[in-house]
């Protein structure tokens, strides 16, 4: 029986990790407390991205004028297709992958 070669996923540069996430759901944290989760269709070196089936979550903080307590409000919406400009991206998280044994 011959030794089987297990394919290794090569990540040498940061954008390689994003390349491996094409056609998978990713988590994108944006400026102004905005979070996107969607399927990554395309990207470029500036982190401009095209996402499909996106769920956007926006968190806002308001101060109660009487008690001065912070009130956190979240709003969610679904977007079928979205172009994300890269200069607003803070973090891109690939999907969780578990290696097959």
PDB file of N, CA and C in Angstrom:
ATOM      1  N   UNK A   1       0.845  -1.172   0.000  1.00  0.00           N
ATOM      2  CA  UNK A   1       0.000   0.000   0.000  1.00  0.00           C
ATOM      3  C   UNK A   1       0.896   1.242   0.000  1.00  0.00           C
ATOM      4  N   UNK A   2       0.628   2.153  -0.910  1.00  0.00           N
ATOM      5  CA  UNK A   2       1.439   3.356  -1.025  1.00  0.00           C
ATOM      6  C   UNK A   2       1.051   4.368   0.037  1.00  0.00           C
ATOM      7  N   UNK A   3       2.023   5.207   0.413  1.00  0.00           N
ATOM      8  CA  UNK A   3       1.729   6.282   1.357  1.00  0.00           C
ATOM      9  C   UNK A   3       0.876   7.322   0.670  1.00  0.00           C
ATOM     10  N   UNK A   4      -0.243   7.625   1.275  1.00  0.00           N
ATOM     11  CA  UNK A   4      -1.118   8.650   0.708  1.00  0.00           C
ATOM     12  C   UNK A   4      -0.676  10.014   1.193  1.00  0.00           C
ATOM     13  N   UNK A   5      -0.611  10.949   0.278  1.00  0.00           N
ATOM     14  CA  UNK A   5      -0.257  12.319   0.617  1.00  0.00           C
ATOM     15  C   UNK A   5      -1.510  13.064   1.050  1.00  0.00           C
ATOM     16  N   UNK A   6      -1.459  13.627   2.213  1.00  0.00           N
ATOM     17  CA  UNK A   6      -2.566  14.446   2.698  1.00  0.00           C
ATOM     18  C   UNK A   6      -2.332  15.857   2.189  1.00  0.00           C
ATOM     19  N   UNK A   7      -3.319  16.415   1.440  1.00  0.00           N
ATOM     20  CA  UNK A   7      -3.115  17.773   0.919  1.00  0.00           C
ATOM     21  C   UNK A   7      -3.047  18.774   2.068  1.00  0.00           C
ATOM     22  N   UNK A   8      -2.059  19.650   1.994  1.00  0.00           N
ATOM     23  CA  UNK A   8      -1.929  20.677   3.015  1.00  0.00           C
ATOM     24  C   UNK A   8      -2.406  22.000   2.456  1.00  0.00           C
ATOM     25  N   UNK A   9      -3.041  22.765   3.275  1.00  0.00           N
ATOM     26  CA  UNK A   9      -3.523  24.078   2.886  1.00  0.00           C
ATOM     27  C   UNK A   9      -2.418  25.068   3.201  1.00  0.00           C
ATOM     28  N   UNK A  10      -1.960  25.747   2.172  1.00  0.00           N
ATOM     29  CA  UNK A  10      -0.820  26.645   2.328  1.00  0.00           C
ATOM     30  C   UNK A  10      -1.299  28.077   2.548  1.00  0.00           C
ATOM     31  N   UNK A  11      -0.945  28.621   3.696  1.00  0.00           N
ATOM     32  CA  UNK A  11      -1.246  30.011   4.013  1.00  0.00           C
ATOM     33  C   UNK A  11       0.086  30.700   4.271  1.00  0.00           C
ATOM     34  N   UNK A  12       0.526  31.479   3.278  1.00  0.00           N
ATOM     35  CA  UNK A  12       1.806  32.165   3.412  1.00  0.00           C
ATOM     36  C   UNK A  12       1.623  33.668   3.606  1.00  0.00           C
ATOM     37  N   UNK A  13       0.515  34.197   3.109  1.00  0.00           N
ATOM     38  CA  UNK A  13       0.225  35.615   3.239  1.00  0.00           C
ATOM     39  C   UNK A  13      -1.184  35.772   3.794  1.00  0.00           C
ATOM     40  N   UNK A  14      -1.475  36.903   4.424  1.00  0.00           N
ATOM     41  CA  UNK A  14      -2.798  37.085   5.031  1.00  0.00           C
ATOM     42  C   UNK A  14      -3.964  36.904   4.051  1.00  0.00           C
ATOM     43  N   UNK A  15      -3.813  37.364   2.838  1.00  0.00           N
ATOM     44  CA  UNK A  15      -4.921  37.234   1.886  1.00  0.00           C
ATOM     45  C   UNK A  15      -5.145  35.793   1.438  1.00  0.00           C
ATOM     46  N   UNK A  16      -4.168  34.912   1.674  1.00  0.00           N
ATOM     47  CA  UNK A  16      -4.363  33.500   1.358  1.00  0.00           C
ATOM     48  C   UNK A  16      -5.491  32.908   2.202  1.00  0.00           C
ATOM     49  N   UNK A  17      -5.600  33.361   3.426  1.00  0.00           N
ATOM     50  CA  UNK A  17      -6.660  32.872   4.308  1.00  0.00           C
ATOM     51  C   UNK A  17      -8.029  33.282   3.782  1.00  0.00           C
ATOM     52  N   UNK A  18      -8.118  34.478   3.231  1.00  0.00           N
ATOM     53  CA  UNK A  18      -9.381  34.931   2.656  1.00  0.00           C
ATOM     54  C   UNK A  18      -9.666  34.173   1.358  1.00  0.00           C
ATOM     55  N   UNK A  19      -8.630  33.915   0.575  1.00  0.00           N
ATOM     56  CA  UNK A  19      -8.803  33.150  -0.674  1.00  0.00           C
ATOM     57  C   UNK A  19      -9.414  31.780  -0.377  1.00  0.00           C
ATOM     58  N   UNK A  20      -8.998  31.162   0.707  1.00  0.00           N
ATOM     59  CA  UNK A  20      -9.528  29.850   1.077  1.00  0.00           C
ATOM     60  C   UNK A  20     -10.977  29.913   1.544  1.00  0.00           C
ATOM     61  N   UNK A  21     -11.466  31.126   1.816  1.00  0.00           N
ATOM     62  CA  UNK A  21     -12.832  31.289   2.298  1.00  0.00           C
ATOM     63  C   UNK A  21     -13.816  31.652   1.188  1.00  0.00           C
ATOM     64  N   UNK A  22     -13.360  31.674  -0.067  1.00  0.00           N
ATOM     65  CA  UNK A  22     -14.272  31.971  -1.175  1.00  0.00           C
ATOM     66  C   UNK A  22     -15.406  30.953  -1.204  1.00  0.00           C
ATOM     67  N   UNK A  23     -16.608  31.433  -1.486  1.00  0.00           N
ATOM     68  CA  UNK A  23     -17.833  30.618  -1.544  1.00  0.00           C
ATOM     69  C   UNK A  23     -18.205  30.007  -0.197  1.00  0.00           C
ATOM     70  N   UNK A  24     -17.688  30.593   0.884  1.00  0.00           N
ATOM     71  CA  UNK A  24     -18.078  30.164   2.228  1.00  0.00           C
ATOM     72  C   UNK A  24     -18.548  31.385   3.016  1.00  0.00           C
ATOM     73  N   UNK A  25     -19.271  31.130   4.113  1.00  0.00           N
ATOM     74  CA  UNK A  25     -19.769  32.231   4.936  1.00  0.00           C
ATOM     75  C   UNK A  25     -18.635  32.780   5.800  1.00  0.00           C
ATOM     76  N   UNK A  26     -18.503  34.107   5.795  1.00  0.00           N
ATOM     77  CA  UNK A  26     -17.469  34.767   6.589  1.00  0.00           C
ATOM     78  C   UNK A  26     -18.122  35.786   7.509  1.00  0.00           C
ATOM     79  N   UNK A  27     -17.381  36.183   8.520  1.00  0.00           N
ATOM     80  CA  UNK A  27     -17.794  37.177   9.504  1.00  0.00           C
ATOM     81  C   UNK A  27     -16.910  38.405   9.254  1.00  0.00           C
ATOM     82  N   UNK A  28     -17.546  39.549   8.975  1.00  0.00           N
ATOM     83  CA  UNK A  28     -16.793  40.771   8.682  1.00  0.00           C
ATOM     84  C   UNK A  28     -17.199  41.847   9.685  1.00  0.00           C
ATOM     85  N   UNK A  29     -16.219  42.329  10.458  1.00  0.00           N
ATOM     86  CA  UNK A  29     -16.472  43.419  11.405  1.00  0.00           C
ATOM     87  C   UNK A  29     -16.088  44.718  10.714  1.00  0.00           C
ATOM     88  N   UNK A  30     -17.007  45.696  10.750  1.00  0.00           N
ATOM     89  CA  UNK A  30     -16.821  46.966  10.073  1.00  0.00           C
ATOM     90  C   UNK A  30     -16.710  48.085  11.100  1.00  0.00           C
ATOM     91  N   UNK A  31     -16.343  49.268  10.608  1.00  0.00           N
ATOM     92  CA  UNK A  31     -16.346  50.452  11.472  1.00  0.00           C
ATOM     93  C   UNK A  31     -17.784  50.765  11.895  1.00  0.00           C
ATOM     94  N   UNK A  32     -17.919  51.614  12.924  1.00  0.00           N
ATOM     95  CA  UNK A  32     -19.220  52.065  13.424  1.00  0.00           C
ATOM     96  C   UNK A  32     -20.111  50.929  13.924  1.00  0.00           C
ATOM     97  N   UNK A  33     -19.504  49.971  14.598  1.00  0.00           N
ATOM     98  CA  UNK A  33     -20.239  48.889  15.267  1.00  0.00           C
ATOM     99  C   UNK A  33     -21.173  48.148  14.307  1.00  0.00           C
ATOM    100  N   UNK A  34     -20.669  47.823  13.150  1.00  0.00           N
ATOM    101  CA  UNK A  34     -21.439  47.115  12.133  1.00  0.00           C
ATOM    102  C   UNK A  34     -20.788  45.752  11.898  1.00  0.00           C
ATOM    103  N   UNK A  35     -21.591  44.701  11.854  1.00  0.00           N
ATOM    104  CA  UNK A  35     -21.091  43.353  11.648  1.00  0.00           C
ATOM    105  C   UNK A  35     -21.862  42.723  10.491  1.00  0.00           C
ATOM    106  N   UNK A  36     -21.127  42.078   9.587  1.00  0.00           N
ATOM    107  CA  UNK A  36     -21.736  41.418   8.440  1.00  0.00           C
ATOM    108  C   UNK A  36     -21.391  39.940   8.477  1.00  0.00           C
ATOM    109  N   UNK A  37     -22.357  39.115   8.120  1.00  0.00           N
ATOM    110  CA  UNK A  37     -22.125  37.681   7.940  1.00  0.00           C
ATOM    111  C   UNK A  37     -22.729  37.316   6.596  1.00  0.00           C
ATOM    112  N   UNK A  38     -21.903  36.746   5.728  1.00  0.00           N
ATOM    113  CA  UNK A  38     -22.420  36.396   4.417  1.00  0.00           C
ATOM    114  C   UNK A  38     -21.447  35.528   3.653  1.00  0.00           C
ATOM    115  N   UNK A  39     -21.897  35.100   2.484  1.00  0.00           N
ATOM    116  CA  UNK A  39     -21.095  34.238   1.627  1.00  0.00           C
ATOM    117  C   UNK A  39     -20.167  35.097   0.778  1.00  0.00           C
ATOM    118  N   UNK A  40     -18.874  34.814   0.865  1.00  0.00           N
ATOM    119  CA  UNK A  40     -17.859  35.587   0.151  1.00  0.00           C
ATOM    120  C   UNK A  40     -17.799  35.141  -1.308  1.00  0.00           C
ATOM    121  N   UNK A  41     -18.170  36.059  -2.221  1.00  0.00           N
ATOM    122  CA  UNK A  41     -18.144  35.747  -3.649  1.00  0.00           C
ATOM    123  C   UNK A  41     -16.862  36.241  -4.308  1.00  0.00           C
ATOM    124  N   UNK A  42     -16.343  37.412  -3.892  1.00  0.00           N
ATOM    125  CA  UNK A  42     -15.139  37.976  -4.502  1.00  0.00           C
ATOM    126  C   UNK A  42     -14.498  38.960  -3.536  1.00  0.00           C
ATOM    127  N   UNK A  43     -13.205  39.234  -3.758  1.00  0.00           N
ATOM    128  CA  UNK A  43     -12.467  40.212  -2.952  1.00  0.00           C
ATOM    129  C   UNK A  43     -11.278  40.689  -3.769  1.00  0.00           C
ATOM    130  N   UNK A  44     -10.632  41.766  -3.311  1.00  0.00           N
ATOM    131  CA  UNK A  44      -9.391  42.211  -3.934  1.00  0.00           C
ATOM    132  C   UNK A  44      -8.373  42.563  -2.849  1.00  0.00           C
ATOM    133  N   UNK A  45      -7.221  43.076  -3.257  1.00  0.00           N
ATOM    134  CA  UNK A  45      -6.136  43.348  -2.307  1.00  0.00           C
ATOM    135  C   UNK A  45      -6.462  44.470  -1.332  1.00  0.00           C
ATOM    136  N   UNK A  46      -7.495  45.265  -1.621  1.00  0.00           N
ATOM    137  CA  UNK A  46      -7.903  46.345  -0.715  1.00  0.00           C
ATOM    138  C   UNK A  46      -8.985  45.889   0.270  1.00  0.00           C
ATOM    139  N   UNK A  47      -9.354  44.635   0.205  1.00  0.00           N
ATOM    140  CA  UNK A  47     -10.441  44.030   0.977  1.00  0.00           C
ATOM    141  C   UNK A  47     -11.808  44.548   0.563  1.00  0.00           C
ATOM    142  N   UNK A  48     -11.930  45.084  -0.637  1.00  0.00           N
ATOM    143  CA  UNK A  48     -13.260  45.278  -1.203  1.00  0.00           C
ATOM    144  C   UNK A  48     -13.815  43.875  -1.397  1.00  0.00           C
ATOM    145  N   UNK A  49     -15.090  43.683  -1.054  1.00  0.00           N
ATOM    146  CA  UNK A  49     -15.668  42.342  -1.119  1.00  0.00           C
ATOM    147  C   UNK A  49     -17.074  42.387  -1.694  1.00  0.00           C
ATOM    148  N   UNK A  50     -17.456  41.279  -2.289  1.00  0.00           N
ATOM    149  CA  UNK A  50     -18.839  41.066  -2.691  1.00  0.00           C
ATOM    150  C   UNK A  50     -19.347  39.906  -1.840  1.00  0.00           C
ATOM    151  N   UNK A  51     -20.393  40.193  -1.066  1.00  0.00           N
ATOM    152  CA  UNK A  51     -20.987  39.188  -0.186  1.00  0.00           C
ATOM    153  C   UNK A  51     -22.420  38.913  -0.625  1.00  0.00           C
ATOM    154  N   UNK A  52     -22.842  37.673  -0.500  1.00  0.00           N
ATOM    155  CA  UNK A  52     -24.216  37.292  -0.796  1.00  0.00           C
ATOM    156  C   UNK A  52     -24.911  36.767   0.443  1.00  0.00           C
ATOM    157  N   UNK A  53     -26.243  36.838   0.445  1.00  0.00           N
ATOM    158  CA  UNK A  53     -27.066  36.371   1.581  1.00  0.00           C
ATOM    159  C   UNK A  53     -26.539  36.930   2.898  1.00  0.00           C
ATOM    160  N   UNK A  54     -26.455  38.252   2.963  1.00  0.00           N
ATOM    161  CA  UNK A  54     -25.812  38.930   4.082  1.00  0.00           C
ATOM    162  C   UNK A  54     -26.808  39.222   5.202  1.00  0.00           C
ATOM    163  N   UNK A  55     -26.364  39.015   6.434  1.00  0.00           N
ATOM    164  CA  UNK A  55     -27.100  39.487   7.611  1.00  0.00           C
ATOM    165  C   UNK A  55     -26.254  40.585   8.234  1.00  0.00           C
ATOM    166  N   UNK A  56     -26.815  41.794   8.272  1.00  0.00           N
ATOM    167  CA  UNK A  56     -26.109  42.940   8.842  1.00  0.00           C
ATOM    168  C   UNK A  56     -26.665  43.207  10.237  1.00  0.00           C
ATOM    169  N   UNK A  57     -25.773  43.404  11.198  1.00  0.00           N
ATOM    170  CA  UNK A  57     -26.155  43.751  12.564  1.00  0.00           C
ATOM    171  C   UNK A  57     -25.466  45.064  12.920  1.00  0.00           C
ATOM    172  N   UNK A  58     -26.269  46.048  13.316  1.00  0.00           N
ATOM    173  CA  UNK A  58     -25.733  47.350  13.719  1.00  0.00           C
ATOM    174  C   UNK A  58     -26.075  47.562  15.187  1.00  0.00           C
ATOM    175  N   UNK A  59     -25.067  47.884  15.999  1.00  0.00           N
ATOM    176  CA  UNK A  59     -25.273  48.135  17.427  1.00  0.00           C
ATOM    177  C   UNK A  59     -25.079  49.622  17.688  1.00  0.00           C
ATOM    178  N   UNK A  60     -26.072  50.219  18.356  1.00  0.00           N
ATOM    179  CA  UNK A  60     -25.969  51.626  18.730  1.00  0.00           C
ATOM    180  C   UNK A  60     -26.069  51.749  20.240  1.00  0.00           C
ATOM    181  N   UNK A  61     -25.436  52.779  20.780  1.00  0.00           N
ATOM    182  CA  UNK A  61     -25.460  53.033  22.219  1.00  0.00           C
ATOM    183  C   UNK A  61     -26.110  54.387  22.451  1.00  0.00           C
ATOM    184  N   UNK A  62     -27.122  54.391  23.291  1.00  0.00           N
ATOM    185  CA  UNK A  62     -27.786  55.641  23.675  1.00  0.00           C
ATOM    186  C   UNK A  62     -27.640  55.823  25.178  1.00  0.00           C
ATOM    187  N   UNK A  63     -27.599  57.057  25.611  1.00  0.00           N
ATOM    188  CA  UNK A  63     -27.497  57.369  27.044  1.00  0.00           C
ATOM    189  C   UNK A  63     -28.868  57.841  27.533  1.00  0.00           C
ATOM    190  N   UNK A  64     -29.367  57.159  28.570  1.00  0.00           N
ATOM    191  CA  UNK A  64     -30.630  57.576  29.185  1.00  0.00           C
ATOM    192  C   UNK A  64     -30.380  58.911  29.888  1.00  0.00           C
ATOM    193  N   UNK A  65     -31.175  59.920  29.560  1.00  0.00           N
ATOM    194  CA  UNK A  65     -30.958  61.266  30.100  1.00  0.00           C
ATOM    195  C   UNK A  65     -31.238  61.368  31.596  1.00  0.00           C
ATOM    196  N   UNK A  66     -32.097  60.495  32.118  1.00  0.00           N
ATOM    197  CA  UNK A  66     -32.416  60.549  33.550  1.00  0.00           C
ATOM    198  C   UNK A  66     -31.419  59.772  34.394  1.00  0.00           C
ATOM    199  N   UNK A  67     -31.075  58.561  33.966  1.00  0.00           N
ATOM    200  CA  UNK A  67     -30.211  57.699  34.781  1.00  0.00           C
ATOM    201  C   UNK A  67     -28.773  57.650  34.275  1.00  0.00           C
ATOM    202  N   UNK A  68     -28.524  58.221  33.114  1.00  0.00           N
ATOM    203  CA  UNK A  68     -27.201  58.200  32.476  1.00  0.00           C
ATOM    204  C   UNK A  68     -26.675  56.785  32.240  1.00  0.00           C
ATOM    205  N   UNK A  69     -27.606  55.855  32.075  1.00  0.00           N
ATOM    206  CA  UNK A  69     -27.213  54.476  31.773  1.00  0.00           C
ATOM    207  C   UNK A  69     -27.068  54.321  30.260  1.00  0.00           C
ATOM    208  N   UNK A  70     -26.155  53.455  29.871  1.00  0.00           N
ATOM    209  CA  UNK A  70     -25.995  53.156  28.456  1.00  0.00           C
ATOM    210  C   UNK A  70     -27.032  52.119  28.039  1.00  0.00           C
ATOM    211  N   UNK A  71     -27.715  52.389  26.958  1.00  0.00           N
ATOM    212  CA  UNK A  71     -28.718  51.476  26.420  1.00  0.00           C
ATOM    213  C   UNK A  71     -28.215  51.005  25.057  1.00  0.00           C
ATOM    214  N   UNK A  72     -27.993  49.700  24.922  1.00  0.00           N
ATOM    215  CA  UNK A  72     -27.511  49.129  23.675  1.00  0.00           C
ATOM    216  C   UNK A  72     -28.701  48.644  22.852  1.00  0.00           C
ATOM    217  N   UNK A  73     -28.742  49.058  21.603  1.00  0.00           N
ATOM    218  CA  UNK A  73     -29.800  48.626  20.693  1.00  0.00           C
ATOM    219  C   UNK A  73     -29.162  48.002  19.468  1.00  0.00           C
ATOM    220  N   UNK A  74     -29.687  46.863  19.050  1.00  0.00           N
ATOM    221  CA  UNK A  74     -29.190  46.220  17.835  1.00  0.00           C
ATOM    222  C   UNK A  74     -30.312  46.136  16.822  1.00  0.00           C
ATOM    223  N   UNK A  75     -29.962  46.395  15.577  1.00  0.00           N
ATOM    224  CA  UNK A  75     -30.912  46.236  14.478  1.00  0.00           C
ATOM    225  C   UNK A  75     -30.288  45.282  13.468  1.00  0.00           C
ATOM    226  N   UNK A  76     -31.116  44.428  12.904  1.00  0.00           N
ATOM    227  CA  UNK A  76     -30.650  43.451  11.928  1.00  0.00           C
ATOM    228  C   UNK A  76     -31.451  43.601  10.650  1.00  0.00           C
ATOM    229  N   UNK A  77     -30.780  43.314   9.532  1.00  0.00           N
ATOM    230  CA  UNK A  77     -31.482  43.272   8.259  1.00  0.00           C
ATOM    231  C   UNK A  77     -30.771  42.283   7.343  1.00  0.00           C
ATOM    232  N   UNK A  78     -31.522  41.776   6.378  1.00  0.00           N
ATOM    233  CA  UNK A  78     -30.974  40.844   5.399  1.00  0.00           C
ATOM    234  C   UNK A  78     -30.797  41.566   4.078  1.00  0.00           C
ATOM    235  N   UNK A  79     -29.685  41.277   3.408  1.00  0.00           N
ATOM    236  CA  UNK A  79     -29.365  41.899   2.135  1.00  0.00           C
ATOM    237  C   UNK A  79     -28.966  40.775   1.170  1.00  0.00           C
ATOM    238  N   UNK A  80     -29.623  40.685   0.009  1.00  0.00           N
ATOM    239  CA  UNK A  80     -29.308  39.581  -0.909  1.00  0.00           C
ATOM    240  C   UNK A  80     -27.889  39.634  -1.486  1.00  0.00           C
ATOM    241  N   UNK A  81     -27.401  40.828  -1.855  1.00  0.00           N
ATOM    242  CA  UNK A  81     -26.055  40.970  -2.422  1.00  0.00           C
ATOM    243  C   UNK A  81     -25.513  42.318  -1.988  1.00  0.00           C
ATOM    244  N   UNK A  82     -24.241  42.362  -1.564  1.00  0.00           N
ATOM    245  CA  UNK A  82     -23.678  43.586  -1.003  1.00  0.00           C
ATOM    246  C   UNK A  82     -22.231  43.757  -1.449  1.00  0.00           C
ATOM    247  N   UNK A  83     -21.896  44.974  -1.876  1.00  0.00           N
ATOM    248  CA  UNK A  83     -20.498  45.329  -2.137  1.00  0.00           C
ATOM    249  C   UNK A  83     -19.986  46.028  -0.892  1.00  0.00           C
ATOM    250  N   UNK A  84     -18.881  45.555  -0.340  1.00  0.00           N
ATOM    251  CA  UNK A  84     -18.287  46.115   0.871  1.00  0.00           C
ATOM    252  C   UNK A  84     -17.006  46.835   0.479  1.00  0.00           C
ATOM    253  N   UNK A  85     -16.916  48.105   0.814  1.00  0.00           N
ATOM    254  CA  UNK A  85     -15.699  48.858   0.526  1.00  0.00           C
ATOM    255  C   UNK A  85     -14.650  48.513   1.582  1.00  0.00           C
ATOM    256  N   UNK A  86     -13.446  48.195   1.143  1.00  0.00           N
ATOM    257  CA  UNK A  86     -12.404  47.670   2.019  1.00  0.00           C
ATOM    258  C   UNK A  86     -11.905  48.614   3.089  1.00  0.00           C
ATOM    259  N   UNK A  87     -12.020  49.934   2.881  1.00  0.00           N
ATOM    260  CA  UNK A  87     -11.471  50.841   3.891  1.00  0.00           C
ATOM    261  C   UNK A  87     -12.309  50.879   5.169  1.00  0.00           C
ATOM    262  N   UNK A  88     -13.478  50.276   5.165  1.00  0.00           N
ATOM    263  CA  UNK A  88     -14.291  50.205   6.377  1.00  0.00           C
ATOM    264  C   UNK A  88     -14.154  48.890   7.122  1.00  0.00           C
ATOM    265  N   UNK A  89     -13.377  47.967   6.581  1.00  0.00           N
ATOM    266  CA  UNK A  89     -13.227  46.634   7.172  1.00  0.00           C
ATOM    267  C   UNK A  89     -12.192  46.673   8.290  1.00  0.00           C
ATOM    268  N   UNK A  90     -12.570  46.126   9.442  1.00  0.00           N
ATOM    269  CA  UNK A  90     -11.652  45.999  10.581  1.00  0.00           C
ATOM    270  C   UNK A  90     -11.127  44.570  10.678  1.00  0.00           C
ATOM    271  N   UNK A  91     -12.017  43.582  10.476  1.00  0.00           N
ATOM    272  CA  UNK A  91     -11.638  42.194  10.682  1.00  0.00           C
ATOM    273  C   UNK A  91     -12.427  41.312   9.733  1.00  0.00           C
ATOM    274  N   UNK A  92     -11.781  40.299   9.195  1.00  0.00           N
ATOM    275  CA  UNK A  92     -12.458  39.263   8.406  1.00  0.00           C
ATOM    276  C   UNK A  92     -12.131  37.933   9.057  1.00  0.00           C
ATOM    277  N   UNK A  93     -13.164  37.211   9.438  1.00  0.00           N
ATOM    278  CA  UNK A  93     -12.966  35.927  10.095  1.00  0.00           C
ATOM    279  C   UNK A  93     -13.475  34.823   9.174  1.00  0.00           C
ATOM    280  N   UNK A  94     -12.616  33.874   8.829  1.00  0.00           N
ATOM    281  CA  UNK A  94     -13.054  32.765   7.982  1.00  0.00           C
ATOM    282  C   UNK A  94     -13.965  31.826   8.762  1.00  0.00           C
ATOM    283  N   UNK A  95     -14.644  30.937   8.046  1.00  0.00           N
ATOM    284  CA  UNK A  95     -15.513  29.987   8.753  1.00  0.00           C
ATOM    285  C   UNK A  95     -14.681  29.012   9.580  1.00  0.00           C
ATOM    286  N   UNK A  96     -15.314  28.434  10.588  1.00  0.00           N
ATOM    287  CA  UNK A  96     -14.627  27.422  11.390  1.00  0.00           C
ATOM    288  C   UNK A  96     -14.436  26.185  10.545  1.00  0.00           C
ATOM    289  N   UNK A  97     -13.218  25.692  10.492  1.00  0.00           N
ATOM    290  CA  UNK A  97     -12.937  24.475   9.737  1.00  0.00           C
ATOM    291  C   UNK A  97     -12.367  23.445  10.706  1.00  0.00           C
ATOM    292  N   UNK A  98     -12.880  22.249  10.615  1.00  0.00           N
ATOM    293  CA  UNK A  98     -12.308  21.163  11.397  1.00  0.00           C
ATOM    294  C   UNK A  98     -11.696  20.177  10.415  1.00  0.00           C
ATOM    295  N   UNK A  99     -10.461  19.805  10.601  1.00  0.00           N
ATOM    296  CA  UNK A  99      -9.826  18.883   9.651  1.00  0.00           C
ATOM    297  C   UNK A  99     -10.460  17.505   9.698  1.00  0.00           C
ATOM    298  N   UNK A 100     -10.643  16.917   8.536  1.00  0.00           N
ATOM    299  CA  UNK A 100     -11.192  15.567   8.463  1.00  0.00           C
ATOM    300  C   UNK A 100     -10.082  14.562   8.783  1.00  0.00           C
ATOM    301  N   UNK A 101     -10.397  13.639   9.633  1.00  0.00           N
ATOM    302  CA  UNK A 101      -9.387  12.622  10.011  1.00  0.00           C
ATOM    303  C   UNK A 101      -9.596  11.350   9.261  1.00  0.00           C
TER     304      UNK A 101
END
